[in-house]
Amino acid sequence: MKSHELIRQLLQKANAKQLAAEMGLSTSLIYKWAEPGEEGGSGAQNPLDRVEQLARLTDGIRVAQWVCACADGFYVKSPKSLPGGETHSLTAASHEIVHEFADMLSTIAAAALDNNITATEAKDIRGRWQLLQSATEEFVRSCEQGDFRPIVDKHEQAHKAKLGTKSPLPNHVRA
C-alpha cells in the first residue's frame, strides 16, 4: 500500500479539518497528502513518505521502534529469507527459539530473586522480550516458507563468533 492510500483510508475516519487545525496546517494540504504525488499527480509529499525516507537514510530500525512506541506497540524485524531450494533443520530452528525463550525466563528469574524489579532489570527484561518476539516471528515465517536456513545460519554465526570456527550444531541437526 502506498502512503497516500493509507492517508486516504485514515481520512475516512478522521476529520481532515480538525486534523489540519490540530497540526497547524491547511485542510488542502491534508487532502493533498491523500493524493498520489508521483508523475503528474497533484499530491504533496506526506509525513509517511518523510518517515520512510528518514528510515531509509538512517537507522531504520530505530525509526520504526520509535513510531511503534508512539502507537503503544513494538517493532519486530522481519527475517530475511536466503535464496536456494535447500531447507535446513526444524530441530535446529526449534532449538534457537527455545534458547531465546529460556534466556528471557532466566532474565526474569534473576531480576525477581530479591522480590523487586529495578528500572535496569525492567529494561533488560524488555530487551529479552523483544528479542524473543523477533525470534518467534522469524520461526513462524520460516515455518510458513519451509526453510529454516536463516535461523540455523544466524545461530551458527553467533556461536562461531563466541567459540571460534567449529559449528555448535551436530551434522545431523544442521542438515
N, C-alpha and C. Protein backbone atom coordinates (compact mmCIF):
# COMPACT_ATOMS: atom_id res chain seq x y z
N MET A 1 0.84 -1.17 0.00
CA MET A 1 0.00 0.00 0.00
C MET A 1 0.89 1.24 0.00
N LYS A 2 0.53 2.19 -0.80
CA LYS A 2 1.28 3.43 -0.86
C LYS A 2 0.83 4.36 0.26
N SER A 3 1.71 5.26 0.62
CA SER A 3 1.44 6.15 1.75
C SER A 3 0.18 6.99 1.55
N HIS A 4 -0.02 7.50 0.34
CA HIS A 4 -1.21 8.34 0.11
C HIS A 4 -2.49 7.52 0.23
N GLU A 5 -2.43 6.23 -0.10
CA GLU A 5 -3.60 5.37 0.04
C GLU A 5 -3.95 5.16 1.52
N LEU A 6 -2.92 4.99 2.34
CA LEU A 6 -3.16 4.85 3.78
C LEU A 6 -3.76 6.14 4.34
N ILE A 7 -3.23 7.28 3.93
CA ILE A 7 -3.77 8.55 4.43
C ILE A 7 -5.22 8.71 3.98
N ARG A 8 -5.52 8.31 2.75
CA ARG A 8 -6.90 8.38 2.27
C ARG A 8 -7.81 7.52 3.17
N GLN A 9 -7.36 6.34 3.52
CA GLN A 9 -8.14 5.47 4.40
C GLN A 9 -8.31 6.11 5.79
N LEU A 10 -7.24 6.69 6.29
CA LEU A 10 -7.30 7.33 7.61
C LEU A 10 -8.29 8.50 7.62
N LEU A 11 -8.36 9.23 6.51
CA LEU A 11 -9.26 10.37 6.43
C LEU A 11 -10.72 9.96 6.33
N GLN A 12 -10.98 8.70 6.06
CA GLN A 12 -12.36 8.22 6.06
C GLN A 12 -12.93 8.19 7.48
N LYS A 13 -12.04 8.09 8.47
CA LYS A 13 -12.49 8.05 9.87
C LYS A 13 -12.09 9.30 10.65
N ALA A 14 -11.10 10.02 10.14
CA ALA A 14 -10.64 11.23 10.83
C ALA A 14 -11.20 12.46 10.11
N ASN A 15 -11.43 13.51 10.85
CA ASN A 15 -11.92 14.76 10.30
C ASN A 15 -10.73 15.57 9.80
N ALA A 16 -10.63 15.79 8.49
CA ALA A 16 -9.49 16.48 7.88
C ALA A 16 -9.35 17.91 8.43
N LYS A 17 -10.47 18.61 8.63
CA LYS A 17 -10.40 19.99 9.14
C LYS A 17 -9.86 20.02 10.55
N GLN A 18 -10.33 19.11 11.39
CA GLN A 18 -9.85 19.04 12.77
C GLN A 18 -8.37 18.64 12.80
N LEU A 19 -8.01 17.68 11.97
CA LEU A 19 -6.62 17.24 11.88
C LEU A 19 -5.72 18.41 11.48
N ALA A 20 -6.14 19.14 10.46
CA ALA A 20 -5.37 20.29 9.98
C ALA A 20 -5.22 21.34 11.08
N ALA A 21 -6.30 21.61 11.80
CA ALA A 21 -6.25 22.61 12.87
C ALA A 21 -5.30 22.18 13.97
N GLU A 22 -5.37 20.92 14.37
CA GLU A 22 -4.51 20.45 15.47
C GLU A 22 -3.05 20.36 15.05
N MET A 23 -2.80 20.16 13.76
CA MET A 23 -1.43 20.07 13.28
C MET A 23 -0.90 21.42 12.79
N GLY A 24 -1.75 22.44 12.80
CA GLY A 24 -1.33 23.77 12.34
C GLY A 24 -1.06 23.81 10.84
N LEU A 25 -1.86 23.08 10.08
CA LEU A 25 -1.70 23.00 8.62
C LEU A 25 -3.00 23.37 7.93
N SER A 26 -2.93 23.54 6.63
CA SER A 26 -4.15 23.83 5.88
C SER A 26 -4.88 22.53 5.58
N THR A 27 -6.19 22.62 5.47
CA THR A 27 -7.00 21.45 5.12
C THR A 27 -6.63 20.96 3.73
N SER A 28 -6.32 21.87 2.83
CA SER A 28 -5.96 21.45 1.47
C SER A 28 -4.68 20.61 1.46
N LEU A 29 -3.73 20.93 2.34
CA LEU A 29 -2.51 20.12 2.42
C LEU A 29 -2.83 18.71 2.91
N ILE A 30 -3.70 18.61 3.90
CA ILE A 30 -4.09 17.30 4.42
C ILE A 30 -4.70 16.47 3.28
N TYR A 31 -5.56 17.08 2.47
CA TYR A 31 -6.16 16.36 1.35
C TYR A 31 -5.13 16.03 0.26
N LYS A 32 -4.15 16.91 0.06
CA LYS A 32 -3.11 16.64 -0.93
C LYS A 32 -2.28 15.41 -0.53
N TRP A 33 -2.11 15.19 0.79
CA TRP A 33 -1.38 14.02 1.26
C TRP A 33 -2.07 12.73 0.83
N ALA A 34 -3.37 12.77 0.60
CA ALA A 34 -4.14 11.58 0.23
C ALA A 34 -4.17 11.35 -1.28
N GLU A 35 -3.44 12.16 -2.03
CA GLU A 35 -3.39 12.02 -3.49
C GLU A 35 -1.99 11.56 -3.91
N PRO A 36 -1.93 10.80 -5.02
CA PRO A 36 -0.60 10.39 -5.48
C PRO A 36 0.22 11.61 -5.87
N GLY A 37 1.49 11.60 -5.53
CA GLY A 37 2.34 12.74 -5.82
C GLY A 37 3.30 12.50 -6.97
N GLU A 38 3.43 11.27 -7.39
CA GLU A 38 4.40 10.96 -8.44
C GLU A 38 3.80 11.11 -9.83
N GLU A 39 4.62 11.51 -10.77
CA GLU A 39 4.28 11.60 -12.20
C GLU A 39 2.91 12.21 -12.50
N GLY A 40 2.80 13.49 -12.37
CA GLY A 40 1.58 14.17 -12.77
C GLY A 40 0.51 14.24 -11.71
N GLY A 41 0.68 13.56 -10.60
CA GLY A 41 -0.30 13.65 -9.52
C GLY A 41 -0.21 15.01 -8.85
N SER A 42 -1.28 15.41 -8.20
CA SER A 42 -1.27 16.72 -7.56
C SER A 42 -0.99 16.63 -6.06
N GLY A 43 -0.67 15.44 -5.59
CA GLY A 43 -0.43 15.25 -4.17
C GLY A 43 0.87 15.89 -3.70
N ALA A 44 1.00 16.00 -2.39
CA ALA A 44 2.21 16.54 -1.77
C ALA A 44 2.88 15.43 -0.98
N GLN A 45 4.20 15.53 -0.84
CA GLN A 45 4.90 14.54 -0.03
C GLN A 45 4.34 14.60 1.39
N ASN A 46 3.89 13.46 1.87
CA ASN A 46 3.23 13.43 3.16
C ASN A 46 4.18 12.97 4.26
N PRO A 47 3.77 13.07 5.52
CA PRO A 47 4.64 12.68 6.63
C PRO A 47 5.09 11.22 6.57
N LEU A 48 4.24 10.34 6.04
CA LEU A 48 4.63 8.94 5.93
C LEU A 48 5.78 8.77 4.95
N ASP A 49 5.74 9.52 3.86
CA ASP A 49 6.85 9.49 2.90
C ASP A 49 8.14 9.96 3.57
N ARG A 50 8.02 10.99 4.39
CA ARG A 50 9.20 11.53 5.08
C ARG A 50 9.75 10.53 6.09
N VAL A 51 8.87 9.85 6.81
CA VAL A 51 9.32 8.84 7.77
C VAL A 51 10.04 7.70 7.03
N GLU A 52 9.46 7.28 5.90
CA GLU A 52 10.10 6.22 5.11
C GLU A 52 11.48 6.68 4.63
N GLN A 53 11.57 7.91 4.18
CA GLN A 53 12.84 8.45 3.71
C GLN A 53 13.85 8.52 4.85
N LEU A 54 13.41 8.97 6.00
CA LEU A 54 14.28 9.04 7.18
C LEU A 54 14.78 7.65 7.57
N ALA A 55 13.89 6.67 7.55
CA ALA A 55 14.27 5.30 7.89
C ALA A 55 15.29 4.76 6.88
N ARG A 56 15.08 5.05 5.62
CA ARG A 56 15.98 4.55 4.57
C ARG A 56 17.36 5.19 4.67
N LEU A 57 17.41 6.46 5.05
CA LEU A 57 18.67 7.20 5.06
C LEU A 57 19.43 7.08 6.38
N THR A 58 18.78 6.59 7.41
CA THR A 58 19.43 6.49 8.72
C THR A 58 19.25 5.08 9.27
N ASP A 59 19.15 4.99 10.57
CA ASP A 59 18.97 3.71 11.25
C ASP A 59 17.48 3.38 11.26
N GLY A 60 17.02 2.72 10.22
CA GLY A 60 15.60 2.44 10.03
C GLY A 60 14.95 1.71 11.18
N ILE A 61 15.69 0.83 11.82
CA ILE A 61 15.11 0.07 12.92
C ILE A 61 14.76 1.00 14.08
N ARG A 62 15.62 1.93 14.39
CA ARG A 62 15.33 2.86 15.50
C ARG A 62 14.15 3.76 15.16
N VAL A 63 14.03 4.17 13.90
CA VAL A 63 12.89 4.98 13.48
C VAL A 63 11.61 4.16 13.65
N ALA A 64 11.62 2.93 13.18
CA ALA A 64 10.45 2.05 13.28
C ALA A 64 10.10 1.78 14.74
N GLN A 65 11.10 1.56 15.58
CA GLN A 65 10.85 1.33 17.00
C GLN A 65 10.18 2.55 17.64
N TRP A 66 10.64 3.74 17.27
CA TRP A 66 10.07 4.96 17.83
C TRP A 66 8.62 5.12 17.40
N VAL A 67 8.35 4.92 16.10
CA VAL A 67 6.98 5.05 15.59
C VAL A 67 6.07 4.03 16.29
N CYS A 68 6.54 2.80 16.41
CA CYS A 68 5.73 1.77 17.08
C CYS A 68 5.48 2.12 18.54
N ALA A 69 6.49 2.64 19.21
CA ALA A 69 6.31 3.03 20.62
C ALA A 69 5.29 4.16 20.74
N CYS A 70 5.27 5.09 19.79
CA CYS A 70 4.29 6.17 19.80
C CYS A 70 2.87 5.62 19.66
N ALA A 71 2.73 4.48 19.00
CA ALA A 71 1.42 3.86 18.80
C ALA A 71 1.14 2.80 19.87
N ASP A 72 1.91 2.85 20.95
CA ASP A 72 1.75 1.90 22.06
C ASP A 72 2.03 0.46 21.64
N GLY A 73 2.98 0.30 20.74
CA GLY A 73 3.32 -1.03 20.26
C GLY A 73 4.81 -1.24 20.26
N PHE A 74 5.25 -2.22 19.50
CA PHE A 74 6.67 -2.53 19.41
C PHE A 74 6.98 -3.00 18.00
N TYR A 75 8.22 -2.90 17.64
CA TYR A 75 8.68 -3.27 16.32
C TYR A 75 9.32 -4.65 16.37
N VAL A 76 8.96 -5.50 15.44
CA VAL A 76 9.58 -6.81 15.29
C VAL A 76 10.12 -6.87 13.87
N LYS A 77 11.43 -7.01 13.75
CA LYS A 77 12.06 -7.04 12.44
C LYS A 77 11.70 -8.33 11.71
N SER A 78 11.35 -8.20 10.45
CA SER A 78 11.05 -9.36 9.62
C SER A 78 12.36 -10.04 9.22
N PRO A 79 12.39 -11.37 9.28
CA PRO A 79 13.61 -12.08 8.89
C PRO A 79 13.80 -12.06 7.38
N LYS A 80 15.03 -12.21 6.96
CA LYS A 80 15.33 -12.27 5.54
C LYS A 80 15.47 -13.74 5.15
N SER A 81 14.83 -14.11 4.06
CA SER A 81 14.99 -15.46 3.53
C SER A 81 16.17 -15.45 2.58
N LEU A 82 16.91 -16.53 2.62
CA LEU A 82 18.04 -16.68 1.71
C LEU A 82 17.59 -17.45 0.48
N PRO A 83 18.12 -17.11 -0.68
CA PRO A 83 17.72 -17.84 -1.88
C PRO A 83 18.26 -19.27 -1.87
N GLY A 84 17.61 -20.12 -2.62
CA GLY A 84 18.06 -21.51 -2.73
C GLY A 84 16.96 -22.46 -2.32
N GLY A 85 17.00 -23.65 -2.87
CA GLY A 85 15.94 -24.62 -2.59
C GLY A 85 16.20 -25.49 -1.38
N GLU A 86 17.45 -25.56 -0.92
CA GLU A 86 17.77 -26.45 0.20
C GLU A 86 17.19 -25.90 1.50
N THR A 87 16.52 -26.74 2.24
CA THR A 87 15.98 -26.32 3.52
C THR A 87 16.85 -26.86 4.64
N HIS A 88 16.77 -26.23 5.79
CA HIS A 88 17.56 -26.65 6.94
C HIS A 88 16.64 -27.15 8.04
N SER A 89 17.22 -27.70 9.01
CA SER A 89 16.56 -28.47 10.04
C SER A 89 15.58 -27.69 10.92
N LEU A 90 14.42 -28.27 11.06
CA LEU A 90 13.44 -27.76 12.00
C LEU A 90 13.95 -27.90 13.43
N THR A 91 14.70 -28.97 13.69
CA THR A 91 15.25 -29.20 15.02
C THR A 91 16.17 -28.05 15.44
N ALA A 92 17.05 -27.64 14.55
CA ALA A 92 17.96 -26.54 14.87
C ALA A 92 17.21 -25.24 15.07
N ALA A 93 16.22 -24.98 14.23
CA ALA A 93 15.42 -23.75 14.37
C ALA A 93 14.64 -23.78 15.67
N SER A 94 14.09 -24.93 16.01
CA SER A 94 13.35 -25.07 17.27
C SER A 94 14.26 -24.82 18.46
N HIS A 95 15.49 -25.34 18.36
CA HIS A 95 16.46 -25.13 19.43
C HIS A 95 16.72 -23.64 19.65
N GLU A 96 16.82 -22.89 18.57
CA GLU A 96 17.10 -21.46 18.67
C GLU A 96 15.98 -20.71 19.38
N ILE A 97 14.73 -21.00 19.05
CA ILE A 97 13.62 -20.28 19.68
C ILE A 97 13.48 -20.69 21.15
N VAL A 98 13.71 -21.95 21.45
CA VAL A 98 13.67 -22.41 22.85
C VAL A 98 14.79 -21.73 23.64
N HIS A 99 15.95 -21.58 23.02
CA HIS A 99 17.08 -20.89 23.67
C HIS A 99 16.72 -19.44 23.99
N GLU A 100 16.09 -18.73 23.03
CA GLU A 100 15.69 -17.34 23.27
C GLU A 100 14.66 -17.26 24.40
N PHE A 101 13.72 -18.21 24.42
CA PHE A 101 12.71 -18.21 25.47
C PHE A 101 13.35 -18.47 26.84
N ALA A 102 14.28 -19.41 26.88
CA ALA A 102 14.98 -19.72 28.13
C ALA A 102 15.77 -18.51 28.62
N ASP A 103 16.41 -17.79 27.69
CA ASP A 103 17.16 -16.59 28.08
C ASP A 103 16.24 -15.54 28.69
N MET A 104 15.04 -15.38 28.11
CA MET A 104 14.10 -14.41 28.66
C MET A 104 13.67 -14.82 30.06
N LEU A 105 13.32 -16.10 30.23
CA LEU A 105 12.90 -16.58 31.55
C LEU A 105 14.03 -16.46 32.57
N SER A 106 15.24 -16.71 32.15
CA SER A 106 16.39 -16.57 33.05
C SER A 106 16.56 -15.11 33.48
N THR A 107 16.37 -14.18 32.55
CA THR A 107 16.47 -12.76 32.87
C THR A 107 15.40 -12.37 33.89
N ILE A 108 14.19 -12.87 33.70
CA ILE A 108 13.09 -12.58 34.63
C ILE A 108 13.38 -13.18 36.00
N ALA A 109 13.81 -14.43 36.02
CA ALA A 109 14.09 -15.12 37.29
C ALA A 109 15.19 -14.41 38.07
N ALA A 110 16.25 -14.02 37.38
CA ALA A 110 17.36 -13.34 38.05
C ALA A 110 16.91 -12.00 38.62
N ALA A 111 16.08 -11.28 37.87
CA ALA A 111 15.61 -9.97 38.33
C ALA A 111 14.66 -10.10 39.52
N ALA A 112 13.90 -11.17 39.56
CA ALA A 112 12.88 -11.33 40.60
C ALA A 112 13.41 -11.98 41.88
N LEU A 113 14.67 -12.36 41.92
CA LEU A 113 15.22 -13.06 43.09
C LEU A 113 15.02 -12.28 44.39
N ASP A 114 15.17 -10.97 44.35
CA ASP A 114 15.04 -10.16 45.56
C ASP A 114 13.62 -9.61 45.74
N ASN A 115 12.67 -10.15 44.97
CA ASN A 115 11.27 -9.75 45.05
C ASN A 115 11.07 -8.27 44.69
N ASN A 116 11.93 -7.78 43.81
CA ASN A 116 11.88 -6.38 43.39
C ASN A 116 12.49 -6.29 41.98
N ILE A 117 11.87 -5.53 41.10
CA ILE A 117 12.40 -5.33 39.76
C ILE A 117 12.83 -3.87 39.64
N THR A 118 14.12 -3.65 39.42
CA THR A 118 14.64 -2.29 39.25
C THR A 118 14.37 -1.81 37.83
N ALA A 119 14.59 -0.53 37.61
CA ALA A 119 14.41 0.03 36.27
C ALA A 119 15.38 -0.62 35.27
N THR A 120 16.60 -0.86 35.71
CA THR A 120 17.59 -1.52 34.84
C THR A 120 17.16 -2.95 34.52
N GLU A 121 16.66 -3.66 35.52
CA GLU A 121 16.19 -5.03 35.29
C GLU A 121 14.97 -5.05 34.36
N ALA A 122 14.08 -4.08 34.55
CA ALA A 122 12.92 -3.99 33.66
C ALA A 122 13.35 -3.74 32.22
N LYS A 123 14.37 -2.90 32.05
CA LYS A 123 14.90 -2.64 30.71
C LYS A 123 15.50 -3.91 30.11
N ASP A 124 16.23 -4.68 30.93
CA ASP A 124 16.80 -5.95 30.46
C ASP A 124 15.70 -6.94 30.08
N ILE A 125 14.64 -7.01 30.88
CA ILE A 125 13.52 -7.90 30.58
C ILE A 125 12.86 -7.47 29.27
N ARG A 126 12.66 -6.18 29.08
CA ARG A 126 12.06 -5.67 27.85
C ARG A 126 12.93 -6.05 26.64
N GLY A 127 14.24 -5.89 26.78
CA GLY A 127 15.15 -6.24 25.69
C GLY A 127 15.08 -7.72 25.33
N ARG A 128 15.06 -8.58 26.35
CA ARG A 128 14.96 -10.03 26.10
C ARG A 128 13.62 -10.35 25.45
N TRP A 129 12.55 -9.68 25.91
CA TRP A 129 11.22 -9.91 25.36
C TRP A 129 11.19 -9.54 23.88
N GLN A 130 11.80 -8.42 23.53
CA GLN A 130 11.82 -8.00 22.13
C GLN A 130 12.63 -8.97 21.28
N LEU A 131 13.73 -9.48 21.82
CA LEU A 131 14.50 -10.48 21.08
C LEU A 131 13.68 -11.76 20.88
N LEU A 132 12.94 -12.17 21.91
CA LEU A 132 12.10 -13.36 21.80
C LEU A 132 11.01 -13.16 20.74
N GLN A 133 10.40 -11.98 20.73
CA GLN A 133 9.36 -11.71 19.73
C GLN A 133 9.93 -11.79 18.31
N SER A 134 11.11 -11.22 18.12
CA SER A 134 11.74 -11.27 16.79
C SER A 134 12.08 -12.70 16.41
N ALA A 135 12.62 -13.46 17.38
CA ALA A 135 12.97 -14.86 17.10
C ALA A 135 11.72 -15.67 16.79
N THR A 136 10.62 -15.39 17.48
CA THR A 136 9.37 -16.12 17.23
C THR A 136 8.82 -15.77 15.85
N GLU A 137 8.86 -14.50 15.48
CA GLU A 137 8.40 -14.11 14.14
C GLU A 137 9.26 -14.78 13.07
N GLU A 138 10.55 -14.81 13.30
CA GLU A 138 11.45 -15.47 12.35
C GLU A 138 11.12 -16.96 12.23
N PHE A 139 10.84 -17.59 13.36
CA PHE A 139 10.50 -19.02 13.36
C PHE A 139 9.19 -19.27 12.61
N VAL A 140 8.17 -18.45 12.89
CA VAL A 140 6.87 -18.63 12.23
C VAL A 140 7.01 -18.43 10.72
N ARG A 141 7.74 -17.40 10.30
CA ARG A 141 7.94 -17.17 8.87
C ARG A 141 8.71 -18.33 8.23
N SER A 142 9.68 -18.85 8.95
CA SER A 142 10.43 -20.00 8.43
C SER A 142 9.52 -21.21 8.29
N CYS A 143 8.61 -21.39 9.24
CA CYS A 143 7.63 -22.48 9.14
C CYS A 143 6.77 -22.30 7.89
N GLU A 144 6.31 -21.08 7.67
CA GLU A 144 5.46 -20.80 6.52
C GLU A 144 6.19 -21.03 5.20
N GLN A 145 7.48 -20.72 5.18
CA GLN A 145 8.27 -20.86 3.96
C GLN A 145 8.91 -22.23 3.83
N GLY A 146 8.92 -22.99 4.92
CA GLY A 146 9.53 -24.31 4.90
C GLY A 146 11.04 -24.28 4.80
N ASP A 147 11.65 -23.17 5.19
CA ASP A 147 13.10 -23.03 5.11
C ASP A 147 13.61 -22.41 6.40
N PHE A 148 14.37 -23.18 7.16
CA PHE A 148 14.88 -22.73 8.45
C PHE A 148 16.34 -22.30 8.37
N ARG A 149 16.87 -22.22 7.15
CA ARG A 149 18.27 -21.86 6.97
C ARG A 149 18.64 -20.51 7.61
N PRO A 150 17.82 -19.46 7.46
CA PRO A 150 18.23 -18.18 8.07
C PRO A 150 18.43 -18.30 9.58
N ILE A 151 17.60 -19.07 10.26
CA ILE A 151 17.73 -19.24 11.70
C ILE A 151 18.98 -20.05 12.02
N VAL A 152 19.17 -21.16 11.31
CA VAL A 152 20.32 -22.03 11.56
C VAL A 152 21.61 -21.27 11.28
N ASP A 153 21.66 -20.55 10.15
CA ASP A 153 22.87 -19.81 9.81
C ASP A 153 23.18 -18.73 10.84
N LYS A 154 22.16 -18.02 11.28
CA LYS A 154 22.37 -16.97 12.29
C LYS A 154 22.87 -17.58 13.59
N HIS A 155 22.30 -18.71 13.99
CA HIS A 155 22.69 -19.40 15.21
C HIS A 155 24.15 -19.85 15.11
N GLU A 156 24.51 -20.43 13.98
CA GLU A 156 25.88 -20.90 13.79
C GLU A 156 26.87 -19.74 13.79
N GLN A 157 26.52 -18.64 13.13
CA GLN A 157 27.41 -17.48 13.08
C GLN A 157 27.64 -16.90 14.47
N ALA A 158 26.59 -16.85 15.27
CA ALA A 158 26.72 -16.32 16.63
C ALA A 158 27.65 -17.20 17.46
N HIS A 159 27.50 -18.49 17.33
CA HIS A 159 28.36 -19.39 18.10
C HIS A 159 29.79 -19.43 17.57
N LYS A 160 29.95 -19.29 16.27
CA LYS A 160 31.30 -19.23 15.71
C LYS A 160 32.03 -18.01 16.24
N ALA A 161 31.31 -16.92 16.36
CA ALA A 161 31.91 -15.69 16.89
C ALA A 161 32.34 -15.88 18.34
N LYS A 162 31.57 -16.66 19.09
CA LYS A 162 31.89 -16.89 20.51
C LYS A 162 32.95 -17.97 20.69
N LEU A 163 32.86 -19.04 19.89
CA LEU A 163 33.68 -20.23 20.14
C LEU A 163 34.78 -20.47 19.12
N GLY A 164 34.86 -19.71 18.10
CA GLY A 164 35.81 -20.00 17.03
C GLY A 164 35.04 -20.45 15.80
N THR A 165 35.64 -21.33 15.00
CA THR A 165 35.01 -21.71 13.74
C THR A 165 34.21 -23.00 13.81
N LYS A 166 34.27 -23.75 14.88
CA LYS A 166 33.54 -25.01 14.96
C LYS A 166 32.04 -24.76 15.12
N SER A 167 31.23 -25.47 14.34
CA SER A 167 29.78 -25.33 14.42
C SER A 167 29.28 -25.92 15.73
N PRO A 168 28.34 -25.24 16.43
CA PRO A 168 27.82 -25.76 17.68
C PRO A 168 26.78 -26.85 17.46
N LEU A 169 26.35 -27.03 16.22
CA LEU A 169 25.30 -27.99 15.94
C LEU A 169 25.88 -29.23 15.29
N PRO A 170 25.49 -30.41 15.75
CA PRO A 170 25.95 -31.64 15.08
C PRO A 170 25.46 -31.69 13.64
N ASN A 171 26.16 -32.44 12.79
CA ASN A 171 25.80 -32.52 11.37
C ASN A 171 24.36 -32.98 11.17
N HIS A 172 23.87 -33.93 11.97
CA HIS A 172 22.52 -34.44 11.77
C HIS A 172 21.46 -33.37 12.11
N VAL A 173 21.81 -32.38 12.91
CA VAL A 173 20.87 -31.30 13.24
C VAL A 173 20.91 -30.22 12.17
N ARG A 174 22.10 -29.94 11.60
CA ARG A 174 22.23 -28.89 10.60
C ARG A 174 21.64 -29.31 9.26
N ALA A 175 21.68 -30.53 8.91
CA ALA A 175 21.25 -30.98 7.58
C ALA A 175 19.75 -31.04 7.44
